[in-house]
Amino acid sequence: QVQLVESGGGLVQPGGSLRLSCAASGSDFRFRTMKWARQAPGKQREYVAIISSDGNTMYAGSVKGRFTISRDNAKNTVYLQMNSLKPEDTAVYYCNNDLSYWGQGTQVTVSS
């Protein structure tokens, strides 16, 4: 059973930054494609960033150029650096892997 635990959410002003972390259990983290998704109230969950096992990345158009996904295989952790945050980035952010495990989510609120 894989566990994914997100952290780093909070309240930030527009234009600010946050870094989310997702710590994964298990010994095969380095082989896993890891993803960040978000769900805003009343909206469907959407993927925002993906990183493959060899470090290739993809981003949703709405966050490209502002968000950066990275991973540290030695720490079994994937990160999401979020810069130039906008109110529309407000959502619960989830970590997910290619075996369909999900974390519990961490709330990000962008508001003045």
Protein backbone atom coordinates (compact mmCIF):
# COMPACT_ATOMS: atom_id res chain seq x y z
CA GLN A 1 0.00 0.00 0.00
CA VAL A 2 1.48 3.32 -1.11
CA GLN A 3 0.88 6.41 0.98
CA LEU A 4 1.16 9.92 -0.41
CA VAL A 5 1.22 12.81 2.07
CA GLU A 6 0.98 16.39 0.84
CA SER A 7 2.10 19.44 2.79
CA GLY A 8 2.92 23.09 2.25
CA GLY A 9 -0.47 24.58 1.50
CA GLY A 10 -1.75 27.76 3.06
CA LEU A 11 -3.01 31.28 2.52
CA VAL A 12 -0.98 33.52 0.23
CA GLN A 13 -1.57 36.89 -1.39
CA PRO A 14 -1.89 37.22 -5.17
CA GLY A 15 1.55 37.28 -6.73
CA GLY A 16 3.02 35.22 -3.93
CA SER A 17 4.65 31.81 -3.90
CA LEU A 18 4.22 28.47 -2.20
CA ARG A 19 6.04 25.16 -2.43
CA LEU A 20 4.04 21.99 -2.01
CA SER A 21 5.63 18.69 -1.06
CA CYS A 22 4.38 15.15 -1.45
CA ALA A 23 6.16 12.42 0.47
CA ALA A 24 5.63 8.89 -0.82
CA SER A 25 6.09 5.58 0.93
CA GLY A 26 7.43 2.51 -0.82
CA SER A 27 10.68 1.49 -2.46
CA ASP A 28 9.80 2.05 -6.11
CA PHE A 29 9.22 5.82 -6.04
CA ARG A 30 11.99 6.44 -8.55
CA PHE A 31 10.13 4.35 -11.15
CA ARG A 32 6.82 6.16 -10.75
CA THR A 33 5.36 8.99 -12.82
CA MET A 34 4.13 11.55 -10.32
CA LYS A 35 1.41 14.15 -10.80
CA TRP A 36 -0.13 17.15 -9.10
CA ALA A 37 -3.81 17.82 -9.55
CA ARG A 38 -6.18 20.36 -8.03
CA GLN A 39 -9.85 20.71 -7.38
CA ALA A 40 -11.58 24.02 -6.81
CA PRO A 41 -15.03 24.22 -5.19
CA GLY A 42 -17.71 23.21 -7.66
CA LYS A 43 -15.20 22.21 -10.31
CA GLN A 44 -13.76 18.95 -11.58
CA ARG A 45 -10.33 17.81 -10.52
CA GLU A 46 -7.70 18.78 -13.08
CA TYR A 47 -4.07 17.80 -13.54
CA VAL A 48 -1.63 20.71 -13.38
CA ALA A 49 1.79 19.08 -13.61
CA ILE A 50 3.36 15.71 -14.36
CA ILE A 51 6.90 14.44 -13.96
CA SER A 52 8.06 11.13 -15.36
CA SER A 53 10.52 8.74 -13.77
CA ASP A 54 13.30 10.17 -15.94
CA GLY A 55 12.43 13.77 -15.13
CA ASN A 56 10.39 14.85 -18.15
CA THR A 57 7.70 17.36 -17.22
CA MET A 58 4.39 18.56 -18.60
CA TYR A 59 2.12 21.37 -17.43
CA ALA A 60 -1.41 22.53 -17.89
CA GLY A 61 -1.64 25.68 -19.94
CA SER A 62 -3.09 27.62 -17.02
CA VAL A 63 0.05 27.14 -14.89
CA LYS A 64 2.82 26.87 -17.48
CA GLY A 65 5.60 29.33 -16.76
CA ARG A 66 4.44 29.82 -13.15
CA PHE A 67 4.56 26.33 -11.63
CA THR A 68 7.51 23.93 -11.56
CA ILE A 69 7.30 20.25 -10.68
CA SER A 70 10.42 18.47 -9.46
CA ARG A 71 11.36 15.31 -7.62
CA ASP A 72 13.99 14.08 -5.19
CA ASN A 73 14.21 10.31 -5.49
CA ALA A 74 16.54 10.07 -2.49
CA LYS A 75 13.77 11.57 -0.35
CA ASN A 76 10.82 9.89 -2.10
CA THR A 77 9.36 13.36 -2.54
CA VAL A 78 7.82 15.33 -5.36
CA TYR A 79 7.49 19.12 -5.19
CA LEU A 80 5.35 21.78 -6.81
CA GLN A 81 6.85 25.26 -6.76
CA MET A 82 4.07 27.76 -7.40
CA ASN A 83 4.97 31.34 -8.27
CA SER A 84 2.92 34.37 -9.34
CA LEU A 85 -0.13 32.84 -7.71
CA LYS A 86 -3.57 34.03 -8.75
CA PRO A 87 -6.93 33.81 -6.98
CA GLU A 88 -8.02 31.25 -9.57
CA ASP A 89 -5.25 28.93 -8.31
CA THR A 90 -7.26 28.48 -5.10
CA ALA A 91 -8.02 24.79 -4.73
CA VAL A 92 -7.19 21.63 -2.86
CA TYR A 93 -3.99 20.26 -4.37
CA TYR A 94 -3.48 16.50 -4.59
CA CYS A 95 -0.52 14.28 -5.29
CA ASN A 96 -1.08 11.23 -7.49
CA ASN A 97 1.04 8.50 -9.02
CA ASP A 98 0.68 6.25 -12.05
CA LEU A 99 -0.73 3.47 -9.87
CA SER A 100 -3.73 5.70 -9.08
CA TYR A 101 -2.85 6.34 -5.46
CA TRP A 102 -3.92 9.74 -4.16
CA GLY A 103 -2.93 11.81 -1.17
CA GLN A 104 -5.37 13.54 1.16
CA GLY A 105 -4.80 16.95 -0.37
CA THR A 106 -3.56 20.30 0.89
CA GLN A 107 -5.53 23.55 0.68
CA VAL A 108 -4.09 26.48 -1.23
CA THR A 109 -5.93 29.79 -0.91
CA VAL A 110 -4.84 32.84 -2.88
CA SER A 111 -6.51 35.94 -1.55
CA SER A 112 -5.75 39.46 -0.41
